[in-house]
Amino acid sequence: MRALIQRVNRASVAVDDEVVGAIGRGLCVFVGVTHSDDEAVAAKLAERVWRLRVFDDDAGFMNVPVGEAGGEVLVVSQFTLYGDTRKGRRPSWAAAARPEEAEPLIERFTAELAALGARVATGRFGAHMQVELLNDGPVTVTVES
């Protein structure tokens, strides 16, 4: 699994002009799944995201994870994180897991975050989504498991 994480002041995701998930200060996490991923990988990635220290401490250093910062997490599935652009001008999506494989793992990832204590909002798997966010910093990191 691969996660593109952005520290945000706010973020939301809409489907057909209806907001289906929104958070205030926290992390917007775009998550992609590949063929070799399983539930253990989803759990490990959730743990890594939850413990990722990207919020400032009192001295102004990024030493605080989202939970300690009082933040929320918006999880958005994004198969395009596994796009391969090494050849030609059109990305190959061969490394991205099929929807029937990916959706349960995105759900497991989200459930693991919630079990760790995260206040979680989500997009809608497989839908055409409009994501709006205000990146704070900007801080953007990639985490893989």
C-alpha atoms as a PDB file:
ATOM      1  CA  MET A   1       0.000   0.000   0.000  1.00  0.00           C
ATOM      2  CA  ARG A   2       1.049   3.540  -0.655  1.00  0.00           C
ATOM      3  CA  ALA A   3      -0.159   6.694   1.077  1.00  0.00           C
ATOM      4  CA  LEU A   4       0.310  10.282   0.006  1.00  0.00           C
ATOM      5  CA  ILE A   5      -0.228  12.339   3.150  1.00  0.00           C
ATOM      6  CA  GLN A   6      -0.859  16.056   3.352  1.00  0.00           C
ATOM      7  CA  ARG A   7      -1.037  18.008   6.586  1.00  0.00           C
ATOM      8  CA  VAL A   8      -4.118  20.198   6.231  1.00  0.00           C
ATOM      9  CA  ASN A   9      -6.006  22.965   7.976  1.00  0.00           C
ATOM     10  CA  ARG A  10      -9.175  21.506   6.452  1.00  0.00           C
ATOM     11  CA  ALA A  11     -10.169  19.029   3.767  1.00  0.00           C
ATOM     12  CA  SER A  12     -13.334  17.648   2.240  1.00  0.00           C
ATOM     13  CA  VAL A  13     -14.416  15.255  -0.456  1.00  0.00           C
ATOM     14  CA  ALA A  14     -17.595  15.525  -2.487  1.00  0.00           C
ATOM     15  CA  VAL A  15     -19.430  13.152  -4.815  1.00  0.00           C
ATOM     16  CA  ASP A  16     -22.029  14.631  -7.162  1.00  0.00           C
ATOM     17  CA  ASP A  17     -21.787  17.978  -5.348  1.00  0.00           C
ATOM     18  CA  GLU A  18     -22.575  16.333  -1.979  1.00  0.00           C
ATOM     19  CA  VAL A  19     -19.881  16.436   0.722  1.00  0.00           C
ATOM     20  CA  VAL A  20     -19.380  12.856   1.870  1.00  0.00           C
ATOM     21  CA  GLY A  21     -16.420  13.454   4.177  1.00  0.00           C
ATOM     22  CA  ALA A  22     -14.811  16.476   5.799  1.00  0.00           C
ATOM     23  CA  ILE A  23     -12.254  17.263   8.484  1.00  0.00           C
ATOM     24  CA  GLY A  24     -10.707  20.280  10.138  1.00  0.00           C
ATOM     25  CA  ARG A  25      -7.020  20.306  11.073  1.00  0.00           C
ATOM     26  CA  GLY A  26      -5.375  16.958  10.437  1.00  0.00           C
ATOM     27  CA  LEU A  27      -4.199  14.697   7.635  1.00  0.00           C
ATOM     28  CA  CYS A  28      -5.626  14.122   4.185  1.00  0.00           C
ATOM     29  CA  VAL A  29      -4.460  10.619   3.250  1.00  0.00           C
ATOM     30  CA  PHE A  30      -4.691   9.393  -0.338  1.00  0.00           C
ATOM     31  CA  VAL A  31      -4.311   5.597  -0.305  1.00  0.00           C
ATOM     32  CA  GLY A  32      -3.464   3.205  -3.134  1.00  0.00           C
ATOM     33  CA  VAL A  33      -3.424  -0.584  -3.051  1.00  0.00           C
ATOM     34  CA  THR A  34      -1.278  -2.970  -5.083  1.00  0.00           C
ATOM     35  CA  HIS A  35      -1.675  -6.704  -5.741  1.00  0.00           C
ATOM     36  CA  SER A  36       0.577  -8.015  -2.963  1.00  0.00           C
ATOM     37  CA  ASP A  37      -1.154  -6.057  -0.195  1.00  0.00           C
ATOM     38  CA  ASP A  38      -3.188  -7.764   2.524  1.00  0.00           C
ATOM     39  CA  GLU A  39      -4.869  -6.955   5.844  1.00  0.00           C
ATOM     40  CA  ALA A  40      -1.565  -7.015   7.730  1.00  0.00           C
ATOM     41  CA  VAL A  41      -0.145  -4.419   5.335  1.00  0.00           C
ATOM     42  CA  ALA A  42      -3.245  -2.241   5.810  1.00  0.00           C
ATOM     43  CA  ALA A  43      -2.873  -2.411   9.591  1.00  0.00           C
ATOM     44  CA  LYS A  44       0.838  -1.598   9.435  1.00  0.00           C
ATOM     45  CA  LEU A  45       0.241   1.387   7.164  1.00  0.00           C
ATOM     46  CA  ALA A  46      -2.484   2.711   9.470  1.00  0.00           C
ATOM     47  CA  GLU A  47      -0.087   2.483  12.412  1.00  0.00           C
ATOM     48  CA  ARG A  48       2.615   4.327  10.490  1.00  0.00           C
ATOM     49  CA  VAL A  49       0.237   7.109   9.447  1.00  0.00           C
ATOM     50  CA  TRP A  50      -1.138   7.453  12.991  1.00  0.00           C
ATOM     51  CA  ARG A  51       2.366   7.714  14.483  1.00  0.00           C
ATOM     52  CA  LEU A  52       3.828   9.975  11.740  1.00  0.00           C
ATOM     53  CA  ARG A  53       5.218  13.080  13.440  1.00  0.00           C
ATOM     54  CA  VAL A  54       4.362  15.963  11.108  1.00  0.00           C
ATOM     55  CA  PHE A  55       2.758  18.453  13.505  1.00  0.00           C
ATOM     56  CA  ASP A  56       4.789  21.076  15.339  1.00  0.00           C
ATOM     57  CA  ASP A  57       5.699  20.808  18.991  1.00  0.00           C
ATOM     58  CA  ASP A  58       6.056  23.858  21.250  1.00  0.00           C
ATOM     59  CA  ALA A  59       9.543  24.496  19.859  1.00  0.00           C
ATOM     60  CA  GLY A  60       8.309  24.519  16.255  1.00  0.00           C
ATOM     61  CA  PHE A  61       9.738  21.118  15.283  1.00  0.00           C
ATOM     62  CA  MET A  62       7.693  18.402  13.595  1.00  0.00           C
ATOM     63  CA  ASN A  63       7.584  15.982  16.528  1.00  0.00           C
ATOM     64  CA  VAL A  64       3.856  15.464  17.136  1.00  0.00           C
ATOM     65  CA  PRO A  65       1.596  12.838  15.518  1.00  0.00           C
ATOM     66  CA  VAL A  66      -1.928  13.672  14.381  1.00  0.00           C
ATOM     67  CA  GLY A  67      -3.664  12.184  17.424  1.00  0.00           C
ATOM     68  CA  GLU A  68      -1.587  14.143  19.919  1.00  0.00           C
ATOM     69  CA  ALA A  69      -2.172  17.283  17.839  1.00  0.00           C
ATOM     70  CA  GLY A  70      -5.936  16.784  18.150  1.00  0.00           C
ATOM     71  CA  GLY A  71      -6.235  16.283  14.415  1.00  0.00           C
ATOM     72  CA  GLU A  72      -8.555  14.273  12.219  1.00  0.00           C
ATOM     73  CA  VAL A  73      -7.903  12.048   9.203  1.00  0.00           C
ATOM     74  CA  LEU A  74      -9.613  12.117   5.803  1.00  0.00           C
ATOM     75  CA  VAL A  75      -9.004   8.892   3.865  1.00  0.00           C
ATOM     76  CA  VAL A  76      -9.436   8.999   0.083  1.00  0.00           C
ATOM     77  CA  SER A  77      -8.859   5.908  -2.067  1.00  0.00           C
ATOM     78  CA  GLN A  78      -6.684   6.682  -5.077  1.00  0.00           C
ATOM     79  CA  PHE A  79      -5.599   3.908  -7.424  1.00  0.00           C
ATOM     80  CA  THR A  80      -3.607   6.429  -9.478  1.00  0.00           C
ATOM     81  CA  LEU A  81      -0.878   6.356  -6.817  1.00  0.00           C
ATOM     82  CA  TYR A  82       0.240   3.164  -8.563  1.00  0.00           C
ATOM     83  CA  GLY A  83       0.372   4.747 -12.013  1.00  0.00           C
ATOM     84  CA  ASP A  84       3.566   3.845 -13.875  1.00  0.00           C
ATOM     85  CA  THR A  85       4.783   6.671 -16.114  1.00  0.00           C
ATOM     86  CA  ARG A  86       8.148   5.232 -17.154  1.00  0.00           C
ATOM     87  CA  LYS A  87       7.014   4.465 -20.712  1.00  0.00           C
ATOM     88  CA  GLY A  88       5.040   6.559 -23.127  1.00  0.00           C
ATOM     89  CA  ARG A  89       2.660   9.364 -22.270  1.00  0.00           C
ATOM     90  CA  ARG A  90      -0.208   7.376 -20.786  1.00  0.00           C
ATOM     91  CA  PRO A  91       0.279   5.908 -17.301  1.00  0.00           C
ATOM     92  CA  SER A  92      -0.084   2.175 -16.841  1.00  0.00           C
ATOM     93  CA  TRP A  93      -2.379   1.129 -14.006  1.00  0.00           C
ATOM     94  CA  ALA A  94      -1.204  -2.509 -13.995  1.00  0.00           C
ATOM     95  CA  ALA A  95       0.308  -2.219 -10.495  1.00  0.00           C
ATOM     96  CA  ALA A  96      -2.956  -0.984  -8.957  1.00  0.00           C
ATOM     97  CA  ALA A  97      -5.107  -3.664  -7.335  1.00  0.00           C
ATOM     98  CA  ARG A  98      -8.524  -4.416  -8.828  1.00  0.00           C
ATOM     99  CA  PRO A  99     -11.428  -2.709  -7.029  1.00  0.00           C
ATOM    100  CA  GLU A 100     -12.669  -5.948  -5.459  1.00  0.00           C
ATOM    101  CA  GLU A 101      -9.197  -6.436  -3.913  1.00  0.00           C
ATOM    102  CA  ALA A 102      -8.587  -2.805  -2.992  1.00  0.00           C
ATOM    103  CA  GLU A 103     -11.868  -1.782  -1.383  1.00  0.00           C
ATOM    104  CA  PRO A 104     -11.702  -4.202   1.583  1.00  0.00           C
ATOM    105  CA  LEU A 105      -8.115  -3.117   2.270  1.00  0.00           C
ATOM    106  CA  ILE A 106      -9.019   0.579   2.204  1.00  0.00           C
ATOM    107  CA  GLU A 107     -11.843  -0.237   4.633  1.00  0.00           C
ATOM    108  CA  ARG A 108      -9.429  -2.173   6.851  1.00  0.00           C
ATOM    109  CA  PHE A 109      -6.939   0.711   6.783  1.00  0.00           C
ATOM    110  CA  THR A 110      -9.706   3.121   7.809  1.00  0.00           C
ATOM    111  CA  ALA A 111     -10.969   0.802  10.564  1.00  0.00           C
ATOM    112  CA  GLU A 112      -7.436   0.404  11.933  1.00  0.00           C
ATOM    113  CA  LEU A 113      -7.002   4.179  12.106  1.00  0.00           C
ATOM    114  CA  ALA A 114     -10.298   4.478  13.984  1.00  0.00           C
ATOM    115  CA  ALA A 115      -9.256   1.676  16.366  1.00  0.00           C
ATOM    116  CA  LEU A 116      -6.055   3.593  17.110  1.00  0.00           C
ATOM    117  CA  GLY A 117      -8.164   6.588  18.119  1.00  0.00           C
ATOM    118  CA  ALA A 118      -8.427   8.621  14.929  1.00  0.00           C
ATOM    119  CA  ARG A 119     -11.498  10.638  14.067  1.00  0.00           C
ATOM    120  CA  VAL A 120     -11.834   9.465  10.463  1.00  0.00           C
ATOM    121  CA  ALA A 121     -13.824  10.725   7.494  1.00  0.00           C
ATOM    122  CA  THR A 122     -13.720   9.088   4.064  1.00  0.00           C
ATOM    123  CA  GLY A 123     -14.431   9.565   0.436  1.00  0.00           C
ATOM    124  CA  ARG A 124     -16.539   7.063  -1.503  1.00  0.00           C
ATOM    125  CA  PHE A 125     -14.645   4.148  -3.016  1.00  0.00           C
ATOM    126  CA  GLY A 126     -14.863   3.971  -6.816  1.00  0.00           C
ATOM    127  CA  ALA A 127     -16.725   7.266  -7.171  1.00  0.00           C
ATOM    128  CA  HIS A 128     -15.577  10.307  -9.112  1.00  0.00           C
ATOM    129  CA  MET A 129     -14.617  12.560  -6.202  1.00  0.00           C
ATOM    130  CA  GLN A 130     -13.750  16.217  -5.868  1.00  0.00           C
ATOM    131  CA  VAL A 131     -11.225  16.739  -3.092  1.00  0.00           C
ATOM    132  CA  GLU A 132     -10.712  20.174  -1.634  1.00  0.00           C
ATOM    133  CA  LEU A 133      -7.973  20.836   0.883  1.00  0.00           C
ATOM    134  CA  LEU A 134      -5.901  23.571   2.412  1.00  0.00           C
ATOM    135  CA  ASN A 135      -2.390  22.151   2.748  1.00  0.00           C
ATOM    136  CA  ASP A 136      -0.625  23.430   5.859  1.00  0.00           C
ATOM    137  CA  GLY A 137       3.085  24.137   5.456  1.00  0.00           C
ATOM    138  CA  PRO A 138       2.956  22.790   2.822  1.00  0.00           C
ATOM    139  CA  VAL A 139       3.686  19.384   4.279  1.00  0.00           C
ATOM    140  CA  THR A 140       3.323  16.416   1.932  1.00  0.00           C
ATOM    141  CA  VAL A 141       4.946  12.997   2.475  1.00  0.00           C
ATOM    142  CA  THR A 142       4.693   9.538   0.974  1.00  0.00           C
ATOM    143  CA  VAL A 143       4.552   6.426   3.159  1.00  0.00           C
ATOM    144  CA  GLU A 144       4.759   2.885   1.820  1.00  0.00           C
ATOM    145  CA  SER A 145       4.412  -0.446   3.566  1.00  0.00           C
END
